[in-house]
Amino acid sequence: MTPTVPNPALKATTAHDEASARAVLNRLRRAQGQLAGVITMVEEGRDCRDVVTQLAAVSRALDRAGFKILASRMRECLTSAEDGGTPAMNEEELEKLFLTLA
């Protein structure tokens, strides 16, 4: 297994942030395993219904990871604004980011 390298984009500053980052990484690792399974299924010539079903599961896992990242980022941006700081993203940028997952 490849050692994990901390990603500054997922840098956790609180216990809640650490839990969110762990949840995202777990979802991504699960999706990675599912995708490897889909690749194997295609290589083995498995039934297309089975392949598509598993591919949909991978897609849902990636979507969930993306929404978790986005939810954490929205909370961070709102907290920054409430604390009198300048939010890292404005409402339009958050909306555009959200719609990339929709």
C-alpha atoms as a PDB file:
ATOM      1  CA  MET A   1       0.000   0.000   0.000  1.00  0.00           C
ATOM      2  CA  THR A   2       1.248   3.474  -0.857  1.00  0.00           C
ATOM      3  CA  PRO A   3       2.052   5.649   2.163  1.00  0.00           C
ATOM      4  CA  THR A   4      -0.301   8.571   2.584  1.00  0.00           C
ATOM      5  CA  VAL A   5       1.147  12.029   2.160  1.00  0.00           C
ATOM      6  CA  PRO A   6      -0.669  14.883   3.891  1.00  0.00           C
ATOM      7  CA  ASN A   7      -2.522  17.056   1.415  1.00  0.00           C
ATOM      8  CA  PRO A   8      -2.568  20.773   2.278  1.00  0.00           C
ATOM      9  CA  ALA A   9      -5.974  21.064   0.594  1.00  0.00           C
ATOM     10  CA  LEU A  10      -7.400  18.735   3.264  1.00  0.00           C
ATOM     11  CA  LYS A  11      -5.414  20.251   6.116  1.00  0.00           C
ATOM     12  CA  ALA A  12      -7.440  19.777   9.260  1.00  0.00           C
ATOM     13  CA  THR A  13      -7.461  22.454  11.940  1.00  0.00           C
ATOM     14  CA  THR A  14     -10.036  21.055  14.382  1.00  0.00           C
ATOM     15  CA  ALA A  15     -11.144  17.644  15.535  1.00  0.00           C
ATOM     16  CA  HIS A  16     -14.253  18.026  13.360  1.00  0.00           C
ATOM     17  CA  ASP A  17     -12.082  18.902  10.351  1.00  0.00           C
ATOM     18  CA  GLU A  18      -9.881  15.879  11.029  1.00  0.00           C
ATOM     19  CA  ALA A  19     -12.935  13.630  11.184  1.00  0.00           C
ATOM     20  CA  SER A  20     -14.228  15.101   7.914  1.00  0.00           C
ATOM     21  CA  ALA A  21     -10.860  14.604   6.226  1.00  0.00           C
ATOM     22  CA  ARG A  22     -10.719  10.990   7.443  1.00  0.00           C
ATOM     23  CA  ALA A  23     -14.249  10.376   6.154  1.00  0.00           C
ATOM     24  CA  VAL A  24     -13.349  11.815   2.745  1.00  0.00           C
ATOM     25  CA  LEU A  25     -10.185   9.754   2.511  1.00  0.00           C
ATOM     26  CA  ASN A  26     -12.068   6.590   3.502  1.00  0.00           C
ATOM     27  CA  ARG A  27     -14.674   7.250   0.799  1.00  0.00           C
ATOM     28  CA  LEU A  28     -11.984   7.888  -1.788  1.00  0.00           C
ATOM     29  CA  ARG A  29     -10.110   4.722  -0.845  1.00  0.00           C
ATOM     30  CA  ARG A  30     -13.338   2.731  -1.042  1.00  0.00           C
ATOM     31  CA  ALA A  31     -14.041   4.212  -4.484  1.00  0.00           C
ATOM     32  CA  GLN A  32     -10.492   3.381  -5.552  1.00  0.00           C
ATOM     33  CA  GLY A  33     -11.039  -0.253  -4.564  1.00  0.00           C
ATOM     34  CA  GLN A  34     -14.406  -0.345  -6.311  1.00  0.00           C
ATOM     35  CA  LEU A  35     -12.871   1.109  -9.467  1.00  0.00           C
ATOM     36  CA  ALA A  36     -10.134  -1.525  -9.418  1.00  0.00           C
ATOM     37  CA  GLY A  37     -12.904  -4.109  -9.212  1.00  0.00           C
ATOM     38  CA  VAL A  38     -14.697  -2.570 -12.202  1.00  0.00           C
ATOM     39  CA  ILE A  39     -11.488  -2.634 -14.231  1.00  0.00           C
ATOM     40  CA  THR A  40     -11.043  -6.310 -13.403  1.00  0.00           C
ATOM     41  CA  MET A  41     -14.651  -6.994 -14.370  1.00  0.00           C
ATOM     42  CA  VAL A  42     -14.138  -5.342 -17.766  1.00  0.00           C
ATOM     43  CA  GLU A  43     -10.874  -7.232 -18.311  1.00  0.00           C
ATOM     44  CA  GLU A  44     -12.681 -10.493 -17.529  1.00  0.00           C
ATOM     45  CA  GLY A  45     -15.525  -9.653 -19.892  1.00  0.00           C
ATOM     46  CA  ARG A  46     -18.182  -9.707 -17.170  1.00  0.00           C
ATOM     47  CA  ASP A  47     -21.821  -8.956 -17.897  1.00  0.00           C
ATOM     48  CA  CYS A  48     -22.379  -5.296 -18.765  1.00  0.00           C
ATOM     49  CA  ARG A  49     -25.203  -4.945 -16.225  1.00  0.00           C
ATOM     50  CA  ASP A  50     -22.873  -5.992 -13.430  1.00  0.00           C
ATOM     51  CA  VAL A  51     -20.128  -3.658 -14.663  1.00  0.00           C
ATOM     52  CA  VAL A  52     -22.490  -0.677 -14.946  1.00  0.00           C
ATOM     53  CA  THR A  53     -23.960  -1.383 -11.509  1.00  0.00           C
ATOM     54  CA  GLN A  54     -20.496  -1.354  -9.949  1.00  0.00           C
ATOM     55  CA  LEU A  55     -19.476   1.705 -11.953  1.00  0.00           C
ATOM     56  CA  ALA A  56     -22.536   3.524 -10.606  1.00  0.00           C
ATOM     57  CA  ALA A  57     -21.437   2.605  -7.083  1.00  0.00           C
ATOM     58  CA  VAL A  58     -18.005   4.128  -7.774  1.00  0.00           C
ATOM     59  CA  SER A  59     -19.659   7.259  -9.098  1.00  0.00           C
ATOM     60  CA  ARG A  60     -21.844   7.590  -5.996  1.00  0.00           C
ATOM     61  CA  ALA A  61     -18.833   7.104  -3.725  1.00  0.00           C
ATOM     62  CA  LEU A  62     -16.944   9.868  -5.547  1.00  0.00           C
ATOM     63  CA  ASP A  63     -19.981  12.152  -5.417  1.00  0.00           C
ATOM     64  CA  ARG A  64     -20.301  11.613  -1.667  1.00  0.00           C
ATOM     65  CA  ALA A  65     -16.631  12.426  -1.166  1.00  0.00           C
ATOM     66  CA  GLY A  66     -17.018  15.577  -3.247  1.00  0.00           C
ATOM     67  CA  PHE A  67     -20.093  16.699  -1.328  1.00  0.00           C
ATOM     68  CA  LYS A  68     -18.319  16.066   1.970  1.00  0.00           C
ATOM     69  CA  ILE A  69     -15.386  18.215   0.848  1.00  0.00           C
ATOM     70  CA  LEU A  70     -17.754  20.913  -0.354  1.00  0.00           C
ATOM     71  CA  ALA A  71     -19.798  20.877   2.864  1.00  0.00           C
ATOM     72  CA  SER A  72     -16.630  21.247   4.921  1.00  0.00           C
ATOM     73  CA  ARG A  73     -15.444  24.098   2.708  1.00  0.00           C
ATOM     74  CA  MET A  74     -18.781  25.905   2.941  1.00  0.00           C
ATOM     75  CA  ARG A  75     -18.659  25.705   6.732  1.00  0.00           C
ATOM     76  CA  GLU A  76     -15.095  27.029   6.682  1.00  0.00           C
ATOM     77  CA  CYS A  77     -16.049  29.924   4.406  1.00  0.00           C
ATOM     78  CA  LEU A  78     -19.057  30.830   6.539  1.00  0.00           C
ATOM     79  CA  THR A  79     -16.972  30.694   9.700  1.00  0.00           C
ATOM     80  CA  SER A  80     -14.364  32.993   8.167  1.00  0.00           C
ATOM     81  CA  ALA A  81     -17.058  35.501   7.209  1.00  0.00           C
ATOM     82  CA  GLU A  82     -18.673  35.348  10.671  1.00  0.00           C
ATOM     83  CA  ASP A  83     -15.306  35.963  12.326  1.00  0.00           C
ATOM     84  CA  GLY A  84     -14.903  39.154  10.321  1.00  0.00           C
ATOM     85  CA  GLY A  85     -12.380  37.607   7.938  1.00  0.00           C
ATOM     86  CA  THR A  86     -12.596  37.610   4.198  1.00  0.00           C
ATOM     87  CA  PRO A  87     -14.178  34.390   2.931  1.00  0.00           C
ATOM     88  CA  ALA A  88     -11.930  32.376   0.624  1.00  0.00           C
ATOM     89  CA  MET A  89     -14.834  31.947  -1.812  1.00  0.00           C
ATOM     90  CA  ASN A  90     -17.840  34.087  -2.549  1.00  0.00           C
ATOM     91  CA  GLU A  91     -21.370  32.754  -2.963  1.00  0.00           C
ATOM     92  CA  GLU A  92     -21.096  32.558  -6.753  1.00  0.00           C
ATOM     93  CA  GLU A  93     -17.866  30.545  -6.563  1.00  0.00           C
ATOM     94  CA  LEU A  94     -19.401  28.150  -4.018  1.00  0.00           C
ATOM     95  CA  GLU A  95     -22.468  27.705  -6.205  1.00  0.00           C
ATOM     96  CA  LYS A  96     -20.326  26.972  -9.265  1.00  0.00           C
ATOM     97  CA  LEU A  97     -18.279  24.457  -7.291  1.00  0.00           C
ATOM     98  CA  PHE A  98     -21.436  22.791  -5.993  1.00  0.00           C
ATOM     99  CA  LEU A  99     -22.912  22.549  -9.497  1.00  0.00           C
ATOM    100  CA  THR A 100     -19.805  20.763 -10.794  1.00  0.00           C
ATOM    101  CA  LEU A 101     -20.899  17.820  -8.635  1.00  0.00           C
ATOM    102  CA  ALA A 102     -24.592  18.017  -9.474  1.00  0.00           C
END
